[in-house]
Amino acid sequence: MTFVTVSVSAEMAAQPATIFALVSDLPRMGEWSPEATGGRWKDGAGGPAVGARFSGTNRNGIHRWSTTATITEMDAPRVFAFDVTFMGIRAANWRFEIEPIDHRCRVTETWTDRRSRWFAAAGVIGTGVRDRASHNRDTMRATLESLAAAAEAAE
């Protein structure tokens, strides 16, 4: 199986700790993502930690679905990553890398598609998205733009 990976980077006039606090606060992801709408921590988790699980909600037009994210890596303030499943089936890995650059930082958001072919085909029906890689590239750009605005306002 070949996994597709898409990465998008943006420079932001904010400190890495500010960016990290925002991207690791998964219930707030809907504030800057055009597709993720929020969610809640599961199993008594009160926030991000390796192994913590999160029930995420998503929307694309009339299509709505929920996923479960499990935090796989946290190296504050540089890396935050999580795996996503849908109905217990592996779907994707999301990763944010934050690199300090002078008084700014570069944020790279990476999505790796972990779906099998049949699951990807079924996903078209459930999400309305035919080309998930192109769609995610566009939504990731929008996410990083909104994230930059939120981070810069928080500084």
N, C-alpha and C. Protein backbone atom coordinates (compact mmCIF):
# COMPACT_ATOMS: atom_id res chain seq x y z
N MET A 1 0.84 -1.18 0.00
CA MET A 1 0.00 0.00 0.00
C MET A 1 0.88 1.24 0.00
N THR A 2 0.55 2.19 -0.85
CA THR A 2 1.29 3.45 -0.93
C THR A 2 0.49 4.52 -0.19
N PHE A 3 1.14 5.18 0.74
CA PHE A 3 0.48 6.25 1.47
C PHE A 3 0.80 7.58 0.80
N VAL A 4 -0.21 8.42 0.65
CA VAL A 4 -0.05 9.75 0.09
C VAL A 4 0.21 10.71 1.25
N THR A 5 1.19 11.59 1.06
CA THR A 5 1.50 12.59 2.08
C THR A 5 1.45 13.97 1.44
N VAL A 6 0.81 14.89 2.15
CA VAL A 6 0.73 16.29 1.71
C VAL A 6 1.23 17.14 2.86
N SER A 7 2.12 18.08 2.56
CA SER A 7 2.62 19.03 3.56
C SER A 7 2.44 20.45 3.05
N VAL A 8 2.07 21.33 3.95
CA VAL A 8 1.92 22.75 3.65
C VAL A 8 2.61 23.52 4.77
N SER A 9 3.39 24.54 4.41
CA SER A 9 4.11 25.35 5.40
C SER A 9 3.72 26.81 5.29
N ALA A 10 3.82 27.50 6.41
CA ALA A 10 3.57 28.94 6.43
C ALA A 10 4.41 29.55 7.55
N GLU A 11 4.89 30.77 7.30
CA GLU A 11 5.59 31.51 8.35
C GLU A 11 4.59 32.35 9.11
N MET A 12 4.79 32.43 10.41
CA MET A 12 3.87 33.15 11.28
C MET A 12 4.64 34.05 12.22
N ALA A 13 4.09 35.22 12.48
CA ALA A 13 4.71 36.18 13.39
C ALA A 13 4.24 35.88 14.82
N ALA A 14 4.62 34.70 15.29
CA ALA A 14 4.24 34.26 16.63
C ALA A 14 5.33 33.33 17.15
N GLN A 15 5.36 33.18 18.45
CA GLN A 15 6.33 32.29 19.07
C GLN A 15 5.87 30.84 18.96
N PRO A 16 6.81 29.89 18.87
CA PRO A 16 6.45 28.47 18.77
C PRO A 16 5.50 28.00 19.88
N ALA A 17 5.70 28.47 21.10
CA ALA A 17 4.84 28.03 22.21
C ALA A 17 3.39 28.45 21.98
N THR A 18 3.19 29.61 21.40
CA THR A 18 1.83 30.08 21.11
C THR A 18 1.18 29.19 20.06
N ILE A 19 1.91 28.89 19.01
CA ILE A 19 1.39 28.02 17.94
C ILE A 19 1.11 26.63 18.50
N PHE A 20 2.05 26.09 19.27
CA PHE A 20 1.88 24.75 19.83
C PHE A 20 0.63 24.67 20.70
N ALA A 21 0.42 25.68 21.53
CA ALA A 21 -0.76 25.68 22.40
C ALA A 21 -2.05 25.64 21.59
N LEU A 22 -2.07 26.31 20.45
CA LEU A 22 -3.26 26.33 19.62
C LEU A 22 -3.47 25.00 18.89
N VAL A 23 -2.45 24.47 18.23
CA VAL A 23 -2.65 23.23 17.45
C VAL A 23 -2.90 22.02 18.33
N SER A 24 -2.41 22.05 19.56
CA SER A 24 -2.62 20.90 20.44
C SER A 24 -3.94 20.99 21.21
N ASP A 25 -4.66 22.09 21.08
CA ASP A 25 -5.97 22.26 21.71
C ASP A 25 -7.03 21.80 20.70
N LEU A 26 -7.16 20.49 20.54
CA LEU A 26 -8.01 19.94 19.49
C LEU A 26 -9.47 20.40 19.54
N PRO A 27 -10.09 20.63 20.71
CA PRO A 27 -11.46 21.14 20.68
C PRO A 27 -11.60 22.48 19.96
N ARG A 28 -10.52 23.25 19.87
CA ARG A 28 -10.57 24.55 19.20
C ARG A 28 -10.23 24.47 17.71
N MET A 29 -9.85 23.30 17.20
CA MET A 29 -9.41 23.18 15.81
C MET A 29 -10.45 23.73 14.83
N GLY A 30 -11.72 23.64 15.18
CA GLY A 30 -12.77 24.16 14.31
C GLY A 30 -12.73 25.67 14.13
N GLU A 31 -11.98 26.36 14.99
CA GLU A 31 -11.86 27.81 14.86
C GLU A 31 -11.02 28.21 13.65
N TRP A 32 -10.13 27.32 13.20
CA TRP A 32 -9.30 27.68 12.04
C TRP A 32 -9.38 26.68 10.89
N SER A 33 -9.89 25.50 11.11
CA SER A 33 -9.99 24.51 10.03
C SER A 33 -11.30 24.65 9.28
N PRO A 34 -11.27 24.61 7.94
CA PRO A 34 -12.51 24.66 7.18
C PRO A 34 -13.31 23.35 7.24
N GLU A 35 -12.69 22.26 7.71
CA GLU A 35 -13.37 20.97 7.71
C GLU A 35 -13.59 20.43 9.12
N ALA A 36 -12.59 20.49 9.98
CA ALA A 36 -12.76 20.05 11.37
C ALA A 36 -13.64 21.07 12.07
N THR A 37 -14.59 20.60 12.86
CA THR A 37 -15.51 21.52 13.52
C THR A 37 -15.37 21.51 15.04
N GLY A 38 -14.51 20.67 15.57
CA GLY A 38 -14.31 20.61 17.02
C GLY A 38 -14.40 19.19 17.52
N GLY A 39 -14.85 19.05 18.74
CA GLY A 39 -14.97 17.73 19.34
C GLY A 39 -14.70 17.78 20.82
N ARG A 40 -14.38 16.61 21.39
CA ARG A 40 -14.16 16.55 22.83
C ARG A 40 -13.14 15.46 23.16
N TRP A 41 -12.44 15.67 24.28
CA TRP A 41 -11.50 14.67 24.77
C TRP A 41 -12.27 13.46 25.26
N LYS A 42 -11.70 12.28 25.12
CA LYS A 42 -12.35 11.02 25.49
C LYS A 42 -11.65 10.37 26.68
N ASP A 43 -12.34 9.42 27.26
CA ASP A 43 -11.77 8.53 28.28
C ASP A 43 -11.16 9.29 29.46
N GLY A 44 -11.74 10.42 29.81
CA GLY A 44 -11.25 11.19 30.96
C GLY A 44 -10.08 12.09 30.67
N ALA A 45 -9.60 12.13 29.43
CA ALA A 45 -8.48 13.03 29.10
C ALA A 45 -8.97 14.46 29.20
N GLY A 46 -8.14 15.32 29.80
CA GLY A 46 -8.51 16.72 29.95
C GLY A 46 -7.75 17.62 29.02
N GLY A 47 -6.91 17.03 28.19
CA GLY A 47 -6.09 17.80 27.28
C GLY A 47 -5.11 16.89 26.57
N PRO A 48 -4.23 17.49 25.77
CA PRO A 48 -3.33 16.67 24.96
C PRO A 48 -2.21 16.03 25.78
N ALA A 49 -1.96 14.77 25.49
CA ALA A 49 -0.85 14.01 26.05
C ALA A 49 -0.69 12.78 25.16
N VAL A 50 0.50 12.27 25.05
CA VAL A 50 0.69 11.08 24.22
C VAL A 50 -0.24 9.98 24.75
N GLY A 51 -1.00 9.40 23.83
CA GLY A 51 -1.97 8.36 24.17
C GLY A 51 -3.37 8.88 24.42
N ALA A 52 -3.54 10.18 24.67
CA ALA A 52 -4.88 10.74 24.88
C ALA A 52 -5.69 10.61 23.60
N ARG A 53 -6.99 10.39 23.79
CA ARG A 53 -7.89 10.22 22.65
C ARG A 53 -8.89 11.36 22.60
N PHE A 54 -9.30 11.67 21.36
CA PHE A 54 -10.17 12.81 21.10
C PHE A 54 -11.21 12.39 20.08
N SER A 55 -12.47 12.74 20.32
CA SER A 55 -13.54 12.49 19.37
C SER A 55 -13.74 13.76 18.56
N GLY A 56 -13.38 13.73 17.29
CA GLY A 56 -13.45 14.91 16.43
C GLY A 56 -14.66 14.89 15.53
N THR A 57 -15.19 16.08 15.24
CA THR A 57 -16.31 16.21 14.32
C THR A 57 -15.84 17.00 13.11
N ASN A 58 -16.40 16.65 11.95
CA ASN A 58 -15.98 17.22 10.68
C ASN A 58 -17.19 17.50 9.81
N ARG A 59 -17.00 18.46 8.88
CA ARG A 59 -18.08 18.81 7.97
C ARG A 59 -17.49 19.25 6.63
N ASN A 60 -18.14 18.81 5.56
CA ASN A 60 -17.84 19.29 4.21
C ASN A 60 -19.18 19.42 3.49
N GLY A 61 -19.68 20.66 3.40
CA GLY A 61 -21.00 20.86 2.81
C GLY A 61 -22.05 20.15 3.63
N ILE A 62 -22.84 19.29 2.97
CA ILE A 62 -23.89 18.55 3.69
C ILE A 62 -23.35 17.31 4.39
N HIS A 63 -22.11 16.95 4.12
CA HIS A 63 -21.53 15.74 4.68
C HIS A 63 -20.95 16.03 6.08
N ARG A 64 -21.27 15.15 7.02
CA ARG A 64 -20.76 15.27 8.39
C ARG A 64 -20.30 13.90 8.85
N TRP A 65 -19.20 13.87 9.61
CA TRP A 65 -18.69 12.61 10.14
C TRP A 65 -17.85 12.86 11.38
N SER A 66 -17.66 11.80 12.14
CA SER A 66 -16.85 11.87 13.36
C SER A 66 -15.68 10.92 13.24
N THR A 67 -14.59 11.27 13.89
CA THR A 67 -13.39 10.44 13.90
C THR A 67 -12.86 10.36 15.33
N THR A 68 -11.91 9.47 15.52
CA THR A 68 -11.20 9.40 16.80
C THR A 68 -9.73 9.66 16.52
N ALA A 69 -9.17 10.60 17.26
CA ALA A 69 -7.74 10.91 17.15
C ALA A 69 -7.04 10.41 18.40
N THR A 70 -5.85 9.86 18.21
CA THR A 70 -5.00 9.44 19.32
C THR A 70 -3.68 10.17 19.20
N ILE A 71 -3.31 10.92 20.23
CA ILE A 71 -2.07 11.68 20.20
C ILE A 71 -0.90 10.70 20.18
N THR A 72 -0.03 10.84 19.18
CA THR A 72 1.10 9.93 19.02
C THR A 72 2.44 10.57 19.36
N GLU A 73 2.50 11.90 19.29
CA GLU A 73 3.77 12.58 19.56
C GLU A 73 3.49 13.99 20.06
N MET A 74 4.19 14.35 21.13
CA MET A 74 4.13 15.71 21.67
C MET A 74 5.52 16.08 22.14
N ASP A 75 6.10 17.04 21.48
CA ASP A 75 7.41 17.57 21.87
C ASP A 75 7.27 19.09 21.85
N ALA A 76 6.66 19.60 22.92
CA ALA A 76 6.38 21.04 22.99
C ALA A 76 7.68 21.83 23.01
N PRO A 77 7.76 22.92 22.28
CA PRO A 77 6.76 23.49 21.39
C PRO A 77 7.03 23.21 19.92
N ARG A 78 7.61 22.05 19.61
CA ARG A 78 8.05 21.80 18.24
C ARG A 78 7.21 20.83 17.42
N VAL A 79 6.67 19.78 18.05
CA VAL A 79 5.96 18.75 17.28
C VAL A 79 4.70 18.31 18.01
N PHE A 80 3.62 18.21 17.25
CA PHE A 80 2.36 17.66 17.74
C PHE A 80 1.79 16.78 16.64
N ALA A 81 1.49 15.51 16.95
CA ALA A 81 1.01 14.59 15.92
C ALA A 81 -0.05 13.66 16.50
N PHE A 82 -0.96 13.25 15.61
CA PHE A 82 -1.99 12.31 16.05
C PHE A 82 -2.45 11.44 14.88
N ASP A 83 -2.86 10.22 15.22
CA ASP A 83 -3.43 9.30 14.25
C ASP A 83 -4.95 9.44 14.32
N VAL A 84 -5.61 9.25 13.18
CA VAL A 84 -7.06 9.35 13.10
C VAL A 84 -7.62 8.03 12.59
N THR A 85 -8.69 7.60 13.26
CA THR A 85 -9.43 6.43 12.81
C THR A 85 -10.90 6.83 12.59
N PHE A 86 -11.56 6.07 11.74
CA PHE A 86 -12.99 6.24 11.52
C PHE A 86 -13.62 4.87 11.71
N MET A 87 -14.52 4.77 12.68
CA MET A 87 -15.16 3.49 13.01
C MET A 87 -14.10 2.42 13.28
N GLY A 88 -13.02 2.81 13.92
CA GLY A 88 -11.96 1.87 14.28
C GLY A 88 -11.00 1.53 13.16
N ILE A 89 -11.18 2.11 11.99
CA ILE A 89 -10.33 1.82 10.83
C ILE A 89 -9.34 2.97 10.65
N ARG A 90 -8.08 2.62 10.50
CA ARG A 90 -7.02 3.62 10.34
C ARG A 90 -7.30 4.50 9.11
N ALA A 91 -7.24 5.83 9.32
CA ALA A 91 -7.55 6.76 8.24
C ALA A 91 -6.37 7.66 7.88
N ALA A 92 -5.71 8.27 8.87
CA ALA A 92 -4.69 9.27 8.54
C ALA A 92 -3.80 9.55 9.74
N ASN A 93 -2.71 10.23 9.45
CA ASN A 93 -1.85 10.80 10.49
C ASN A 93 -1.73 12.28 10.17
N TRP A 94 -1.87 13.10 11.21
CA TRP A 94 -1.70 14.55 11.09
C TRP A 94 -0.52 14.95 11.95
N ARG A 95 0.29 15.87 11.46
CA ARG A 95 1.49 16.28 12.17
C ARG A 95 1.71 17.78 11.96
N PHE A 96 2.02 18.47 13.05
CA PHE A 96 2.40 19.87 13.01
C PHE A 96 3.83 19.99 13.51
N GLU A 97 4.69 20.57 12.69
CA GLU A 97 6.07 20.84 13.09
C GLU A 97 6.25 22.35 13.14
N ILE A 98 6.84 22.83 14.21
CA ILE A 98 6.99 24.27 14.44
C ILE A 98 8.47 24.58 14.60
N GLU A 99 8.98 25.38 13.69
CA GLU A 99 10.41 25.70 13.65
C GLU A 99 10.62 27.19 13.90
N PRO A 100 11.37 27.55 14.94
CA PRO A 100 11.62 28.97 15.19
C PRO A 100 12.51 29.58 14.11
N ILE A 101 12.17 30.79 13.69
CA ILE A 101 12.95 31.54 12.71
C ILE A 101 12.98 32.98 13.21
N ASP A 102 14.10 33.41 13.75
CA ASP A 102 14.22 34.76 14.32
C ASP A 102 13.06 35.00 15.29
N HIS A 103 12.23 36.01 15.03
CA HIS A 103 11.10 36.32 15.90
C HIS A 103 9.80 35.79 15.34
N ARG A 104 9.93 34.83 14.45
CA ARG A 104 8.78 34.22 13.80
C ARG A 104 8.92 32.70 13.93
N CYS A 105 8.07 31.99 13.26
CA CYS A 105 8.26 30.54 13.15
C CYS A 105 7.64 30.05 11.85
N ARG A 106 8.12 28.90 11.43
CA ARG A 106 7.55 28.22 10.27
C ARG A 106 6.76 27.04 10.81
N VAL A 107 5.51 26.94 10.38
CA VAL A 107 4.65 25.84 10.79
C VAL A 107 4.40 24.98 9.55
N THR A 108 4.66 23.69 9.70
CA THR A 108 4.40 22.74 8.62
C THR A 108 3.34 21.76 9.10
N GLU A 109 2.24 21.73 8.37
CA GLU A 109 1.17 20.78 8.65
C GLU A 109 1.28 19.67 7.62
N THR A 110 1.29 18.43 8.10
CA THR A 110 1.43 17.27 7.21
C THR A 110 0.29 16.29 7.45
N TRP A 111 -0.28 15.84 6.37
CA TRP A 111 -1.32 14.80 6.41
C TRP A 111 -0.80 13.60 5.63
N THR A 112 -0.89 12.45 6.23
CA THR A 112 -0.55 11.20 5.55
C THR A 112 -1.79 10.32 5.52
N ASP A 113 -2.22 10.01 4.32
CA ASP A 113 -3.39 9.16 4.12
C ASP A 113 -3.00 7.73 4.46
N ARG A 114 -3.69 7.12 5.37
CA ARG A 114 -3.41 5.75 5.80
C ARG A 114 -4.54 4.79 5.42
N ARG A 115 -5.44 5.25 4.55
CA ARG A 115 -6.59 4.42 4.20
C ARG A 115 -6.23 3.37 3.14
N SER A 116 -6.92 2.24 3.20
CA SER A 116 -6.81 1.26 2.13
C SER A 116 -7.59 1.80 0.93
N ARG A 117 -7.42 1.17 -0.23
CA ARG A 117 -8.12 1.64 -1.44
C ARG A 117 -9.64 1.61 -1.26
N TRP A 118 -10.14 0.52 -0.71
CA TRP A 118 -11.60 0.41 -0.56
C TRP A 118 -12.13 1.45 0.42
N PHE A 119 -11.35 1.73 1.47
CA PHE A 119 -11.79 2.72 2.46
C PHE A 119 -11.75 4.13 1.88
N ALA A 120 -10.75 4.41 1.07
CA ALA A 120 -10.67 5.71 0.40
C ALA A 120 -11.85 5.89 -0.55
N ALA A 121 -12.22 4.83 -1.27
CA ALA A 121 -13.36 4.90 -2.19
C ALA A 121 -14.66 5.14 -1.41
N ALA A 122 -14.82 4.47 -0.28
CA ALA A 122 -16.01 4.67 0.55
C ALA A 122 -16.04 6.09 1.12
N GLY A 123 -14.87 6.64 1.36
CA GLY A 123 -14.78 7.99 1.92
C GLY A 123 -15.36 9.06 1.00
N VAL A 124 -15.34 8.81 -0.30
CA VAL A 124 -15.92 9.77 -1.26
C VAL A 124 -17.41 9.92 -0.97
N ILE A 125 -18.07 8.83 -0.68
CA ILE A 125 -19.50 8.87 -0.39
C ILE A 125 -19.76 9.60 0.93
N GLY A 126 -18.97 9.29 1.94
CA GLY A 126 -19.19 9.86 3.27
C GLY A 126 -18.79 11.32 3.42
N THR A 127 -17.82 11.77 2.60
CA THR A 127 -17.32 13.13 2.78
C THR A 127 -17.58 14.04 1.58
N GLY A 128 -17.90 13.46 0.44
CA GLY A 128 -18.12 14.25 -0.76
C GLY A 128 -16.83 14.71 -1.43
N VAL A 129 -15.69 14.16 -1.00
CA VAL A 129 -14.39 14.59 -1.54
C VAL A 129 -13.81 13.48 -2.41
N ARG A 130 -13.62 13.77 -3.70
CA ARG A 130 -13.04 12.77 -4.62
C ARG A 130 -11.52 12.72 -4.52
N ASP A 131 -10.89 13.87 -4.55
CA ASP A 131 -9.42 13.94 -4.50
C ASP A 131 -9.02 14.49 -3.14
N ARG A 132 -8.85 13.58 -2.19
CA ARG A 132 -8.59 13.96 -0.81
C ARG A 132 -7.27 14.71 -0.68
N ALA A 133 -6.25 14.35 -1.43
CA ALA A 133 -4.95 15.03 -1.33
C ALA A 133 -5.06 16.50 -1.73
N SER A 134 -5.69 16.77 -2.87
CA SER A 134 -5.85 18.16 -3.31
C SER A 134 -6.76 18.93 -2.37
N HIS A 135 -7.83 18.30 -1.95
CA HIS A 135 -8.76 18.94 -1.01
C HIS A 135 -8.02 19.31 0.28
N ASN A 136 -7.27 18.35 0.83
CA ASN A 136 -6.56 18.63 2.08
C ASN A 136 -5.49 19.70 1.91
N ARG A 137 -4.82 19.71 0.77
CA ARG A 137 -3.82 20.77 0.54
C ARG A 137 -4.48 22.14 0.64
N ASP A 138 -5.65 22.28 0.02
CA ASP A 138 -6.38 23.56 0.07
C ASP A 138 -6.84 23.89 1.48
N THR A 139 -7.41 22.92 2.17
CA THR A 139 -7.91 23.19 3.52
C THR A 139 -6.76 23.42 4.50
N MET A 140 -5.63 22.77 4.28
CA MET A 140 -4.47 22.99 5.13
C MET A 140 -3.94 24.42 4.97
N ARG A 141 -3.92 24.92 3.75
CA ARG A 141 -3.51 26.31 3.52
C ARG A 141 -4.43 27.26 4.28
N ALA A 142 -5.74 27.02 4.19
CA ALA A 142 -6.71 27.86 4.88
C ALA A 142 -6.54 27.73 6.39
N THR A 143 -6.29 26.53 6.87
CA THR A 143 -6.08 26.31 8.30
C THR A 143 -4.88 27.10 8.79
N LEU A 144 -3.77 27.04 8.06
CA LEU A 144 -2.57 27.75 8.49
C LEU A 144 -2.75 29.26 8.44
N GLU A 145 -3.51 29.76 7.47
CA GLU A 145 -3.80 31.20 7.43
C GLU A 145 -4.59 31.63 8.66
N SER A 146 -5.63 30.86 8.99
CA SER A 146 -6.45 31.19 10.16
C SER A 146 -5.67 31.00 11.46
N LEU A 147 -4.85 29.97 11.51
CA LEU A 147 -4.00 29.72 12.68
C LEU A 147 -3.04 30.88 12.89
N ALA A 148 -2.46 31.38 11.82
CA ALA A 148 -1.53 32.52 11.92
C ALA A 148 -2.25 33.74 12.49
N ALA A 149 -3.44 34.00 12.01
CA ALA A 149 -4.19 35.15 12.50
C ALA A 149 -4.51 35.00 13.99
N ALA A 150 -4.91 33.80 14.41
CA ALA A 150 -5.22 33.55 15.82
C ALA A 150 -3.96 33.68 16.68
N ALA A 151 -2.86 33.11 16.22
CA ALA A 151 -1.61 33.15 16.99
C ALA A 151 -1.07 34.56 17.09
N GLU A 152 -1.11 35.28 16.00
CA GLU A 152 -0.59 36.65 16.00
C GLU A 152 -1.45 37.56 16.87
N ALA A 153 -2.75 37.32 16.93
CA ALA A 153 -3.63 38.10 17.80
C ALA A 153 -3.40 37.76 19.27
N ALA A 154 -2.99 36.51 19.53
CA ALA A 154 -2.76 36.08 20.91
C ALA A 154 -1.44 36.58 21.49
N GLU A 155 -0.52 37.02 20.64
CA GLU A 155 0.81 37.45 21.10
C GLU A 155 0.76 38.82 21.72
